[in-house]
């Protein structure tokens, strides 16, 4: 089934490391490995969820996909007009055109809007930059996208502080729609909102995807939200992908011990009993000095001797399910059913 899907974006062996500099001469003494050898595919029209604890590299991956953060190594291959272009090697002009096709919605809507400018000015600026020359054309686009997110056109003349958190986030979504993107990356878009408002924004985002045939990358630490939004889910831990599966498959048949622990933390009403919570021991290791072998081994209740010696690779199981864990490696005996 997967080979019938059209690939929109392909990531190969991506690394995004940040140098640690010390001393008077700013000597590099190490690196923070925020994204460490990640490969994935994004299919046209799908929602790809990315989930994990804080500090696992989700946001850095999203910014790197946008080329807001330059990768250290790897390829970012965007499929456009029947061509494959590695964004790490294209010209400034080609990268500028890429910005119209891929947009990003950030976590805090208030910080995404300039408090000194009204919404009209904030919306008009990117349209001017991308070549919409007439004022009438810009106004038509601005009014259209504001109405698409269920707000009134006259709201364009108000300032950010005059809106609620949910309204500001909808305005941020409207602003990225102005340039008719193909792919939108959402970085924790509802984590700063009240629970009652979260559902409204999530449903709006899903409706817009169907109406405009958009592709989404949805980043969040809340697995229940990611499950609701996503067709496929990627689970990250310490800069690496540890599991990939269809949304329902991941929830019903999680393989990696880390994914199982995340799922156990999702509140589910259950009559006559309680969910068995899996408590992870210890803290997330430092991305500067990662453990040898499997990065999750010091918190894993199934850790074996080999986990300290060899780093597991992503292996494909049934239904396109992929997992990076020695427990499921047939060469190691497939010891965990």
C-alpha atoms as a PDB file:
ATOM      1  CA  UNK A   1       0.000   0.000   0.000  1.00  0.00           C
ATOM      2  CA  UNK A   2       2.812   2.410   0.897  1.00  0.00           C
ATOM      3  CA  UNK A   3       4.374   2.206  -2.567  1.00  0.00           C
ATOM      4  CA  UNK A   4       1.108   3.568  -4.043  1.00  0.00           C
ATOM      5  CA  UNK A   5       1.410   6.788  -2.075  1.00  0.00           C
ATOM      6  CA  UNK A   6       3.054   9.845  -3.580  1.00  0.00           C
ATOM      7  CA  UNK A   7       6.125  11.001  -1.676  1.00  0.00           C
ATOM      8  CA  UNK A   8       6.170  14.757  -1.101  1.00  0.00           C
ATOM      9  CA  UNK A   9       9.204  15.079   1.168  1.00  0.00           C
ATOM     10  CA  UNK A  10      12.020  12.630   1.812  1.00  0.00           C
ATOM     11  CA  UNK A  11      14.560  12.877   4.634  1.00  0.00           C
ATOM     12  CA  UNK A  12      17.723  10.795   4.469  1.00  0.00           C
ATOM     13  CA  UNK A  13      20.240  10.355   7.304  1.00  0.00           C
ATOM     14  CA  UNK A  14      19.505  13.789   8.744  1.00  0.00           C
ATOM     15  CA  UNK A  15      21.703  15.147  11.517  1.00  0.00           C
ATOM     16  CA  UNK A  16      21.305  18.512  13.222  1.00  0.00           C
ATOM     17  CA  UNK A  17      24.031  19.044  15.813  1.00  0.00           C
ATOM     18  CA  UNK A  18      24.805  22.195  17.789  1.00  0.00           C
ATOM     19  CA  UNK A  19      28.441  22.858  18.760  1.00  0.00           C
ATOM     20  CA  UNK A  20      29.358  23.483  22.408  1.00  0.00           C
ATOM     21  CA  UNK A  21      32.008  26.181  22.673  1.00  0.00           C
ATOM     22  CA  UNK A  22      34.091  26.960  25.743  1.00  0.00           C
ATOM     23  CA  UNK A  23      36.971  29.182  26.736  1.00  0.00           C
ATOM     24  CA  UNK A  24      38.279  32.509  25.488  1.00  0.00           C
ATOM     25  CA  UNK A  25      38.838  31.174  21.958  1.00  0.00           C
ATOM     26  CA  UNK A  26      35.414  29.502  21.738  1.00  0.00           C
ATOM     27  CA  UNK A  27      36.922  26.092  21.223  1.00  0.00           C
ATOM     28  CA  UNK A  28      34.403  23.405  20.249  1.00  0.00           C
ATOM     29  CA  UNK A  29      34.405  20.806  23.028  1.00  0.00           C
ATOM     30  CA  UNK A  30      31.361  18.755  22.002  1.00  0.00           C
ATOM     31  CA  UNK A  31      28.012  18.734  20.241  1.00  0.00           C
ATOM     32  CA  UNK A  32      24.348  18.605  21.222  1.00  0.00           C
ATOM     33  CA  UNK A  33      22.934  15.940  18.918  1.00  0.00           C
ATOM     34  CA  UNK A  34      19.365  17.243  18.675  1.00  0.00           C
ATOM     35  CA  UNK A  35      18.527  15.219  15.552  1.00  0.00           C
ATOM     36  CA  UNK A  36      20.765  12.210  15.060  1.00  0.00           C
ATOM     37  CA  UNK A  37      20.604  10.209  11.825  1.00  0.00           C
ATOM     38  CA  UNK A  38      16.860  10.450  11.083  1.00  0.00           C
ATOM     39  CA  UNK A  39      15.307   9.127   7.860  1.00  0.00           C
ATOM     40  CA  UNK A  40      11.607   9.405   6.988  1.00  0.00           C
ATOM     41  CA  UNK A  41       9.101   9.966   4.189  1.00  0.00           C
ATOM     42  CA  UNK A  42       6.130  12.329   4.109  1.00  0.00           C
ATOM     43  CA  UNK A  43       3.327  11.317   1.733  1.00  0.00           C
ATOM     44  CA  UNK A  44       1.155  13.848  -0.063  1.00  0.00           C
ATOM     45  CA  UNK A  45      -2.190  14.411   1.667  1.00  0.00           C
ATOM     46  CA  UNK A  46      -1.328  12.639   4.931  1.00  0.00           C
ATOM     47  CA  UNK A  47      -0.803  13.870   8.468  1.00  0.00           C
ATOM     48  CA  UNK A  48       2.466  12.604   9.890  1.00  0.00           C
ATOM     49  CA  UNK A  49       2.559  12.870  13.686  1.00  0.00           C
ATOM     50  CA  UNK A  50       5.817  13.241  15.610  1.00  0.00           C
ATOM     51  CA  UNK A  51       5.664  12.550  19.333  1.00  0.00           C
ATOM     52  CA  UNK A  52       8.107  12.305  22.227  1.00  0.00           C
ATOM     53  CA  UNK A  53       9.116  13.880  25.522  1.00  0.00           C
ATOM     54  CA  UNK A  54      10.497  17.402  25.753  1.00  0.00           C
ATOM     55  CA  UNK A  55      14.070  17.467  24.499  1.00  0.00           C
ATOM     56  CA  UNK A  56      13.717  14.532  22.103  1.00  0.00           C
ATOM     57  CA  UNK A  57      14.406  16.693  19.015  1.00  0.00           C
ATOM     58  CA  UNK A  58      10.856  17.148  17.650  1.00  0.00           C
ATOM     59  CA  UNK A  59      10.973  20.929  17.254  1.00  0.00           C
ATOM     60  CA  UNK A  60      14.525  20.907  15.872  1.00  0.00           C
ATOM     61  CA  UNK A  61      13.426  18.334  13.289  1.00  0.00           C
ATOM     62  CA  UNK A  62      10.483  20.549  12.308  1.00  0.00           C
ATOM     63  CA  UNK A  63      12.680  23.646  11.945  1.00  0.00           C
ATOM     64  CA  UNK A  64      15.205  21.655   9.909  1.00  0.00           C
ATOM     65  CA  UNK A  65      12.438  20.428   7.578  1.00  0.00           C
ATOM     66  CA  UNK A  66      11.561  24.110   7.072  1.00  0.00           C
ATOM     67  CA  UNK A  67      15.260  24.943   6.544  1.00  0.00           C
ATOM     68  CA  UNK A  68      14.975  27.452   9.380  1.00  0.00           C
ATOM     69  CA  UNK A  69      17.788  25.426  10.939  1.00  0.00           C
ATOM     70  CA  UNK A  70      20.632  24.291   8.685  1.00  0.00           C
ATOM     71  CA  UNK A  71      21.317  20.549   8.989  1.00  0.00           C
ATOM     72  CA  UNK A  72      24.760  19.231   9.881  1.00  0.00           C
ATOM     73  CA  UNK A  73      24.503  16.261   7.515  1.00  0.00           C
ATOM     74  CA  UNK A  74      21.953  14.463   5.392  1.00  0.00           C
ATOM     75  CA  UNK A  75      19.559  15.126   2.538  1.00  0.00           C
ATOM     76  CA  UNK A  76      16.219  16.968   2.493  1.00  0.00           C
ATOM     77  CA  UNK A  77      14.611  15.983  -0.802  1.00  0.00           C
ATOM     78  CA  UNK A  78      11.462  17.896  -1.722  1.00  0.00           C
ATOM     79  CA  UNK A  79       9.409  16.626  -4.654  1.00  0.00           C
ATOM     80  CA  UNK A  80       8.133  19.545  -6.732  1.00  0.00           C
ATOM     81  CA  UNK A  81       6.815  19.657 -10.320  1.00  0.00           C
ATOM     82  CA  UNK A  82       8.018  16.129 -11.004  1.00  0.00           C
ATOM     83  CA  UNK A  83      11.542  16.920  -9.797  1.00  0.00           C
ATOM     84  CA  UNK A  84      13.488  15.980  -6.691  1.00  0.00           C
ATOM     85  CA  UNK A  85      15.431  18.824  -5.115  1.00  0.00           C
ATOM     86  CA  UNK A  86      17.836  18.479  -2.192  1.00  0.00           C
ATOM     87  CA  UNK A  87      17.153  21.619  -0.168  1.00  0.00           C
ATOM     88  CA  UNK A  88      20.608  21.496   1.380  1.00  0.00           C
ATOM     89  CA  UNK A  89      22.105  22.201  -2.060  1.00  0.00           C
ATOM     90  CA  UNK A  90      19.649  24.531  -3.815  1.00  0.00           C
ATOM     91  CA  UNK A  91      20.162  28.215  -4.600  1.00  0.00           C
ATOM     92  CA  UNK A  92      18.757  31.050  -2.482  1.00  0.00           C
ATOM     93  CA  UNK A  93      16.096  31.682  -5.137  1.00  0.00           C
ATOM     94  CA  UNK A  94      14.931  28.059  -5.097  1.00  0.00           C
ATOM     95  CA  UNK A  95      14.883  28.092  -1.292  1.00  0.00           C
ATOM     96  CA  UNK A  96      12.802  31.286  -1.400  1.00  0.00           C
ATOM     97  CA  UNK A  97      10.241  29.553  -3.646  1.00  0.00           C
ATOM     98  CA  UNK A  98      10.250  26.574  -1.269  1.00  0.00           C
ATOM     99  CA  UNK A  99       9.075  28.902   1.528  1.00  0.00           C
ATOM    100  CA  UNK A 100       5.770  29.384  -0.289  1.00  0.00           C
ATOM    101  CA  UNK A 101       5.172  25.639  -0.479  1.00  0.00           C
ATOM    102  CA  UNK A 102       6.065  24.774   3.134  1.00  0.00           C
ATOM    103  CA  UNK A 103       4.866  26.836   6.095  1.00  0.00           C
ATOM    104  CA  UNK A 104       5.041  26.431   9.886  1.00  0.00           C
ATOM    105  CA  UNK A 105       2.640  27.171  12.751  1.00  0.00           C
ATOM    106  CA  UNK A 106       4.441  27.653  16.056  1.00  0.00           C
ATOM    107  CA  UNK A 107       3.479  26.832  19.639  1.00  0.00           C
ATOM    108  CA  UNK A 108       2.900  30.321  21.037  1.00  0.00           C
ATOM    109  CA  UNK A 109       0.561  32.370  18.808  1.00  0.00           C
ATOM    110  CA  UNK A 110       1.228  35.593  20.705  1.00  0.00           C
ATOM    111  CA  UNK A 111       4.991  35.488  20.055  1.00  0.00           C
ATOM    112  CA  UNK A 112       4.272  34.754  16.364  1.00  0.00           C
ATOM    113  CA  UNK A 113       2.498  38.104  15.989  1.00  0.00           C
ATOM    114  CA  UNK A 114       4.164  41.495  16.403  1.00  0.00           C
ATOM    115  CA  UNK A 115       2.277  43.285  19.234  1.00  0.00           C
ATOM    116  CA  UNK A 116       3.128  46.661  17.630  1.00  0.00           C
ATOM    117  CA  UNK A 117       1.427  45.788  14.338  1.00  0.00           C
ATOM    118  CA  UNK A 118      -2.214  45.099  13.694  1.00  0.00           C
ATOM    119  CA  UNK A 119      -3.251  41.863  11.977  1.00  0.00           C
ATOM    120  CA  UNK A 120      -3.574  43.581   8.601  1.00  0.00           C
ATOM    121  CA  UNK A 121       0.083  44.656   8.669  1.00  0.00           C
ATOM    122  CA  UNK A 122       1.242  41.233   9.899  1.00  0.00           C
ATOM    123  CA  UNK A 123      -0.646  39.496   7.078  1.00  0.00           C
ATOM    124  CA  UNK A 124       0.289  41.956   4.347  1.00  0.00           C
ATOM    125  CA  UNK A 125       4.058  41.740   4.833  1.00  0.00           C
ATOM    126  CA  UNK A 126       4.603  38.127   3.622  1.00  0.00           C
ATOM    127  CA  UNK A 127       2.315  38.769   0.651  1.00  0.00           C
ATOM    128  CA  UNK A 128       4.437  41.755  -0.373  1.00  0.00           C
ATOM    129  CA  UNK A 129       7.635  39.737   0.028  1.00  0.00           C
ATOM    130  CA  UNK A 130       6.307  36.957  -2.201  1.00  0.00           C
ATOM    131  CA  UNK A 131       5.277  39.203  -5.067  1.00  0.00           C
ATOM    132  CA  UNK A 132       1.621  40.121  -4.549  1.00  0.00           C
ATOM    133  CA  UNK A 133       1.940  43.697  -5.816  1.00  0.00           C
ATOM    134  CA  UNK A 134      -1.527  45.235  -5.726  1.00  0.00           C
ATOM    135  CA  UNK A 135      -3.243  46.235  -2.514  1.00  0.00           C
ATOM    136  CA  UNK A 136      -6.617  44.956  -3.772  1.00  0.00           C
ATOM    137  CA  UNK A 137      -5.169  41.492  -4.470  1.00  0.00           C
ATOM    138  CA  UNK A 138      -3.574  41.329  -1.023  1.00  0.00           C
ATOM    139  CA  UNK A 139      -6.777  42.421   0.724  1.00  0.00           C
ATOM    140  CA  UNK A 140      -8.832  39.821  -1.142  1.00  0.00           C
ATOM    141  CA  UNK A 141      -6.470  37.043  -0.016  1.00  0.00           C
ATOM    142  CA  UNK A 142      -6.332  38.296   3.584  1.00  0.00           C
ATOM    143  CA  UNK A 143     -10.102  38.523   3.933  1.00  0.00           C
ATOM    144  CA  UNK A 144     -10.559  35.076   2.375  1.00  0.00           C
ATOM    145  CA  UNK A 145      -8.149  33.271   4.738  1.00  0.00           C
ATOM    146  CA  UNK A 146      -9.524  35.015   7.832  1.00  0.00           C
ATOM    147  CA  UNK A 147     -13.011  33.811   6.934  1.00  0.00           C
ATOM    148  CA  UNK A 148     -11.630  30.296   6.329  1.00  0.00           C
ATOM    149  CA  UNK A 149     -10.672  30.103  10.010  1.00  0.00           C
ATOM    150  CA  UNK A 150     -14.137  31.329  11.084  1.00  0.00           C
ATOM    151  CA  UNK A 151     -13.169  34.904  11.939  1.00  0.00           C
ATOM    152  CA  UNK A 152     -14.564  38.200  10.623  1.00  0.00           C
ATOM    153  CA  UNK A 153     -12.677  40.317   8.025  1.00  0.00           C
ATOM    154  CA  UNK A 154     -12.857  43.380  10.299  1.00  0.00           C
ATOM    155  CA  UNK A 155     -10.598  41.545  12.760  1.00  0.00           C
ATOM    156  CA  UNK A 156      -7.725  42.430  10.423  1.00  0.00           C
ATOM    157  CA  UNK A 157      -7.690  45.933  11.891  1.00  0.00           C
ATOM    158  CA  UNK A 158      -7.264  44.825  15.498  1.00  0.00           C
ATOM    159  CA  UNK A 159      -4.057  44.157  17.456  1.00  0.00           C
ATOM    160  CA  UNK A 160      -2.915  40.758  18.823  1.00  0.00           C
ATOM    161  CA  UNK A 161      -3.697  41.634  22.455  1.00  0.00           C
ATOM    162  CA  UNK A 162      -7.366  42.088  21.568  1.00  0.00           C
ATOM    163  CA  UNK A 163      -7.804  38.374  20.818  1.00  0.00           C
ATOM    164  CA  UNK A 164      -8.040  35.229  22.919  1.00  0.00           C
ATOM    165  CA  UNK A 165      -5.378  32.511  22.644  1.00  0.00           C
ATOM    166  CA  UNK A 166      -7.572  30.383  20.390  1.00  0.00           C
ATOM    167  CA  UNK A 167      -8.354  33.315  18.084  1.00  0.00           C
ATOM    168  CA  UNK A 168      -4.644  34.223  17.841  1.00  0.00           C
ATOM    169  CA  UNK A 169      -3.763  30.657  16.877  1.00  0.00           C
ATOM    170  CA  UNK A 170      -6.468  30.661  14.205  1.00  0.00           C
ATOM    171  CA  UNK A 171      -5.025  33.921  12.874  1.00  0.00           C
ATOM    172  CA  UNK A 172      -1.577  32.295  12.705  1.00  0.00           C
ATOM    173  CA  UNK A 173      -3.102  29.397  10.742  1.00  0.00           C
ATOM    174  CA  UNK A 174      -4.811  31.888   8.412  1.00  0.00           C
ATOM    175  CA  UNK A 175      -1.521  33.686   7.802  1.00  0.00           C
ATOM    176  CA  UNK A 176       0.267  30.533   6.616  1.00  0.00           C
ATOM    177  CA  UNK A 177      -2.675  29.718   4.301  1.00  0.00           C
ATOM    178  CA  UNK A 178      -2.171  33.003   2.399  1.00  0.00           C
ATOM    179  CA  UNK A 179       0.633  31.592   0.265  1.00  0.00           C
ATOM    180  CA  UNK A 180      -1.287  28.398  -0.682  1.00  0.00           C
ATOM    181  CA  UNK A 181       1.250  25.954   0.834  1.00  0.00           C
ATOM    182  CA  UNK A 182       1.395  22.221   0.111  1.00  0.00           C
ATOM    183  CA  UNK A 183       2.837  21.245   3.482  1.00  0.00           C
ATOM    184  CA  UNK A 184       2.220  22.798   6.908  1.00  0.00           C
ATOM    185  CA  UNK A 185       4.334  21.902   9.932  1.00  0.00           C
ATOM    186  CA  UNK A 186       2.518  22.338  13.252  1.00  0.00           C
ATOM    187  CA  UNK A 187       4.805  22.613  16.283  1.00  0.00           C
ATOM    188  CA  UNK A 188       2.742  22.027  19.455  1.00  0.00           C
ATOM    189  CA  UNK A 189      -0.089  24.205  18.045  1.00  0.00           C
ATOM    190  CA  UNK A 190      -2.588  23.621  20.875  1.00  0.00           C
ATOM    191  CA  UNK A 191      -0.414  23.006  23.946  1.00  0.00           C
ATOM    192  CA  UNK A 192      -0.762  26.661  25.049  1.00  0.00           C
ATOM    193  CA  UNK A 193      -4.573  26.622  24.711  1.00  0.00           C
ATOM    194  CA  UNK A 194      -7.386  25.625  27.072  1.00  0.00           C
ATOM    195  CA  UNK A 195      -8.658  22.090  26.554  1.00  0.00           C
ATOM    196  CA  UNK A 196     -12.074  23.324  25.361  1.00  0.00           C
ATOM    197  CA  UNK A 197     -10.388  25.495  22.713  1.00  0.00           C
ATOM    198  CA  UNK A 198      -7.953  22.763  21.651  1.00  0.00           C
ATOM    199  CA  UNK A 199     -10.747  20.655  20.156  1.00  0.00           C
ATOM    200  CA  UNK A 200     -12.045  23.610  18.110  1.00  0.00           C
ATOM    201  CA  UNK A 201      -8.622  24.341  16.645  1.00  0.00           C
ATOM    202  CA  UNK A 202      -7.868  20.676  15.904  1.00  0.00           C
ATOM    203  CA  UNK A 203     -11.204  20.178  14.138  1.00  0.00           C
ATOM    204  CA  UNK A 204     -10.629  23.346  12.116  1.00  0.00           C
ATOM    205  CA  UNK A 205      -7.202  22.098  11.052  1.00  0.00           C
ATOM    206  CA  UNK A 206      -8.673  18.783   9.908  1.00  0.00           C
ATOM    207  CA  UNK A 207     -11.432  20.519   7.920  1.00  0.00           C
ATOM    208  CA  UNK A 208      -8.881  22.764   6.181  1.00  0.00           C
ATOM    209  CA  UNK A 209      -6.787  19.744   5.222  1.00  0.00           C
ATOM    210  CA  UNK A 210      -9.740  18.111   3.460  1.00  0.00           C
ATOM    211  CA  UNK A 211     -10.863  21.332   1.802  1.00  0.00           C
ATOM    212  CA  UNK A 212      -7.415  22.388   0.527  1.00  0.00           C
ATOM    213  CA  UNK A 213      -5.772  18.956   0.080  1.00  0.00           C
ATOM    214  CA  UNK A 214      -2.941  19.854   2.453  1.00  0.00           C
ATOM    215  CA  UNK A 215      -0.173  17.707   3.902  1.00  0.00           C
ATOM    216  CA  UNK A 216       0.629  18.069   7.608  1.00  0.00           C
ATOM    217  CA  UNK A 217       3.480  17.302   9.952  1.00  0.00           C
ATOM    218  CA  UNK A 218       1.984  17.483  13.441  1.00  0.00           C
ATOM    219  CA  UNK A 219       4.467  17.741  16.329  1.00  0.00           C
ATOM    220  CA  UNK A 220       3.308  17.319  19.945  1.00  0.00           C
ATOM    221  CA  UNK A 221       4.203  15.641  23.220  1.00  0.00           C
ATOM    222  CA  UNK A 222       0.563  14.629  23.869  1.00  0.00           C
ATOM    223  CA  UNK A 223       0.103  11.233  22.246  1.00  0.00           C
ATOM    224  CA  UNK A 224      -3.705  11.391  22.442  1.00  0.00           C
ATOM    225  CA  UNK A 225      -3.721  14.604  20.371  1.00  0.00           C
ATOM    226  CA  UNK A 226      -1.243  13.161  17.873  1.00  0.00           C
ATOM    227  CA  UNK A 227      -3.324   9.995  17.540  1.00  0.00           C
ATOM    228  CA  UNK A 228      -6.476  12.036  16.839  1.00  0.00           C
ATOM    229  CA  UNK A 229      -4.760  14.079  14.121  1.00  0.00           C
ATOM    230  CA  UNK A 230      -2.387  11.647  12.424  1.00  0.00           C
ATOM    231  CA  UNK A 231      -2.448   8.935   9.772  1.00  0.00           C
ATOM    232  CA  UNK A 232       1.039   7.759  10.748  1.00  0.00           C
ATOM    233  CA  UNK A 233       3.027   8.434  13.915  1.00  0.00           C
ATOM    234  CA  UNK A 234       6.763   8.695  14.477  1.00  0.00           C
ATOM    235  CA  UNK A 235       8.024   8.254  18.045  1.00  0.00           C
ATOM    236  CA  UNK A 236      11.315  10.033  18.822  1.00  0.00           C
ATOM    237  CA  UNK A 237      13.674   9.598  21.729  1.00  0.00           C
ATOM    238  CA  UNK A 238      16.915  11.534  22.232  1.00  0.00           C
ATOM    239  CA  UNK A 239      17.147  12.670  18.612  1.00  0.00           C
ATOM    240  CA  UNK A 240      16.363   9.284  17.075  1.00  0.00           C
ATOM    241  CA  UNK A 241      13.287   7.540  15.673  1.00  0.00           C
ATOM    242  CA  UNK A 242      12.422   4.500  17.781  1.00  0.00           C
ATOM    243  CA  UNK A 243       9.091   3.526  16.190  1.00  0.00           C
ATOM    244  CA  UNK A 244       6.953   4.289  13.117  1.00  0.00           C
ATOM    245  CA  UNK A 245       3.464   2.937  12.441  1.00  0.00           C
ATOM    246  CA  UNK A 246      -0.032   3.769  11.270  1.00  0.00           C
ATOM    247  CA  UNK A 247      -1.865   5.658  14.014  1.00  0.00           C
ATOM    248  CA  UNK A 248      -4.292   2.890  15.029  1.00  0.00           C
ATOM    249  CA  UNK A 249      -1.628   0.208  14.687  1.00  0.00           C
ATOM    250  CA  UNK A 250       0.706   2.088  17.016  1.00  0.00           C
ATOM    251  CA  UNK A 251      -1.960   2.523  19.686  1.00  0.00           C
ATOM    252  CA  UNK A 252      -3.273  -1.047  19.503  1.00  0.00           C
ATOM    253  CA  UNK A 253       0.071  -2.793  19.028  1.00  0.00           C
ATOM    254  CA  UNK A 254       2.948  -0.630  20.239  1.00  0.00           C
ATOM    255  CA  UNK A 255       6.279  -2.450  20.124  1.00  0.00           C
ATOM    256  CA  UNK A 256       8.949  -0.205  21.628  1.00  0.00           C
ATOM    257  CA  UNK A 257       8.973  -0.038  25.469  1.00  0.00           C
ATOM    258  CA  UNK A 258       9.196   3.763  25.285  1.00  0.00           C
ATOM    259  CA  UNK A 259       6.040   3.986  23.155  1.00  0.00           C
ATOM    260  CA  UNK A 260       4.217   1.678  25.554  1.00  0.00           C
ATOM    261  CA  UNK A 261       5.151   3.978  28.444  1.00  0.00           C
ATOM    262  CA  UNK A 262       3.878   7.047  26.565  1.00  0.00           C
ATOM    263  CA  UNK A 263       0.598   5.281  25.782  1.00  0.00           C
ATOM    264  CA  UNK A 264       0.127   4.251  29.397  1.00  0.00           C
ATOM    265  CA  UNK A 265       0.226   7.923  30.401  1.00  0.00           C
ATOM    266  CA  UNK A 266      -2.756   8.798  28.175  1.00  0.00           C
ATOM    267  CA  UNK A 267      -5.863   9.146  30.405  1.00  0.00           C
ATOM    268  CA  UNK A 268      -8.557   6.700  29.259  1.00  0.00           C
ATOM    269  CA  UNK A 269     -11.896   6.300  31.097  1.00  0.00           C
ATOM    270  CA  UNK A 270     -12.286   2.673  32.086  1.00  0.00           C
ATOM    271  CA  UNK A 271     -15.272   1.173  33.917  1.00  0.00           C
ATOM    272  CA  UNK A 272     -14.418  -1.031  36.887  1.00  0.00           C
ATOM    273  CA  UNK A 273     -10.664  -0.666  36.738  1.00  0.00           C
ATOM    274  CA  UNK A 274      -7.621   1.519  36.170  1.00  0.00           C
ATOM    275  CA  UNK A 275      -5.078   1.816  33.387  1.00  0.00           C
ATOM    276  CA  UNK A 276      -1.780   0.204  34.279  1.00  0.00           C
ATOM    277  CA  UNK A 277       0.727   3.025  34.253  1.00  0.00           C
ATOM    278  CA  UNK A 278       4.287   2.247  33.155  1.00  0.00           C
ATOM    279  CA  UNK A 279       6.641   4.419  35.194  1.00  0.00           C
ATOM    280  CA  UNK A 280       9.926   5.231  33.482  1.00  0.00           C
ATOM    281  CA  UNK A 281      12.828   5.225  35.928  1.00  0.00           C
ATOM    282  CA  UNK A 282      15.540   7.887  35.766  1.00  0.00           C
ATOM    283  CA  UNK A 283      15.813  11.023  33.625  1.00  0.00           C
ATOM    284  CA  UNK A 284      16.272  11.520  29.907  1.00  0.00           C
ATOM    285  CA  UNK A 285      20.041  11.297  29.247  1.00  0.00           C
ATOM    286  CA  UNK A 286      21.926  14.350  28.047  1.00  0.00           C
ATOM    287  CA  UNK A 287      22.033  14.746  24.233  1.00  0.00           C
ATOM    288  CA  UNK A 288      25.682  15.763  24.723  1.00  0.00           C
ATOM    289  CA  UNK A 289      26.793  12.470  26.298  1.00  0.00           C
ATOM    290  CA  UNK A 290      24.425   9.809  25.053  1.00  0.00           C
ATOM    291  CA  UNK A 291      24.585   6.273  26.453  1.00  0.00           C
ATOM    292  CA  UNK A 292      26.375   3.662  24.394  1.00  0.00           C
ATOM    293  CA  UNK A 293      24.211   1.301  22.387  1.00  0.00           C
ATOM    294  CA  UNK A 294      20.486   1.909  22.753  1.00  0.00           C
ATOM    295  CA  UNK A 295      19.762   5.470  24.007  1.00  0.00           C
ATOM    296  CA  UNK A 296      16.749   4.198  25.992  1.00  0.00           C
ATOM    297  CA  UNK A 297      18.488   1.303  27.776  1.00  0.00           C
ATOM    298  CA  UNK A 298      19.033   3.063  31.124  1.00  0.00           C
ATOM    299  CA  UNK A 299      15.245   3.516  31.504  1.00  0.00           C
ATOM    300  CA  UNK A 300      14.077   0.280  29.907  1.00  0.00           C
ATOM    301  CA  UNK A 301      12.758  -2.594  32.011  1.00  0.00           C
ATOM    302  CA  UNK A 302      13.662  -5.092  29.252  1.00  0.00           C
ATOM    303  CA  UNK A 303      17.291  -3.968  28.804  1.00  0.00           C
ATOM    304  CA  UNK A 304      19.746  -6.744  27.905  1.00  0.00           C
ATOM    305  CA  UNK A 305      23.536  -6.888  27.721  1.00  0.00           C
ATOM    306  CA  UNK A 306      23.501  -6.266  23.983  1.00  0.00           C
ATOM    307  CA  UNK A 307      21.584  -3.013  24.508  1.00  0.00           C
ATOM    308  CA  UNK A 308      24.715  -1.440  26.004  1.00  0.00           C
ATOM    309  CA  UNK A 309      26.925  -2.645  23.149  1.00  0.00           C
ATOM    310  CA  UNK A 310      24.958  -2.146  19.927  1.00  0.00           C
ATOM    311  CA  UNK A 311      22.599   0.586  18.813  1.00  0.00           C
ATOM    312  CA  UNK A 312      19.385  -0.942  17.387  1.00  0.00           C
ATOM    313  CA  UNK A 313      18.346  -0.077  13.826  1.00  0.00           C
ATOM    314  CA  UNK A 314      14.828   0.488  12.495  1.00  0.00           C
ATOM    315  CA  UNK A 315      13.447  -2.871  11.359  1.00  0.00           C
ATOM    316  CA  UNK A 316      10.208  -3.317   9.414  1.00  0.00           C
ATOM    317  CA  UNK A 317       7.699  -5.695  10.979  1.00  0.00           C
ATOM    318  CA  UNK A 318       4.107  -6.490   9.939  1.00  0.00           C
ATOM    319  CA  UNK A 319       1.781  -3.824   8.450  1.00  0.00           C
ATOM    320  CA  UNK A 320       4.688  -1.504   7.683  1.00  0.00           C
ATOM    321  CA  UNK A 321       5.363  -1.172  11.416  1.00  0.00           C
ATOM    322  CA  UNK A 322       8.987  -0.178  12.104  1.00  0.00           C
ATOM    323  CA  UNK A 323      10.784  -0.384  15.448  1.00  0.00           C
ATOM    324  CA  UNK A 324      14.349   0.157  16.639  1.00  0.00           C
ATOM    325  CA  UNK A 325      14.706  -2.337  19.497  1.00  0.00           C
ATOM    326  CA  UNK A 326      16.859  -5.447  20.017  1.00  0.00           C
ATOM    327  CA  UNK A 327      13.818  -7.214  21.482  1.00  0.00           C
ATOM    328  CA  UNK A 328      12.366  -7.455  17.974  1.00  0.00           C
ATOM    329  CA  UNK A 329      15.553  -8.147  16.019  1.00  0.00           C
ATOM    330  CA  UNK A 330      15.358 -11.724  14.612  1.00  0.00           C
ATOM    331  CA  UNK A 331      19.149 -11.925  14.541  1.00  0.00           C
ATOM    332  CA  UNK A 332      19.054 -11.432  18.322  1.00  0.00           C
ATOM    333  CA  UNK A 333      16.346 -14.090  18.753  1.00  0.00           C
ATOM    334  CA  UNK A 334      13.208 -11.874  18.653  1.00  0.00           C
ATOM    335  CA  UNK A 335      12.937 -12.396  22.403  1.00  0.00           C
ATOM    336  CA  UNK A 336       9.953 -10.168  23.144  1.00  0.00           C
ATOM    337  CA  UNK A 337       6.633 -11.273  21.668  1.00  0.00           C
END
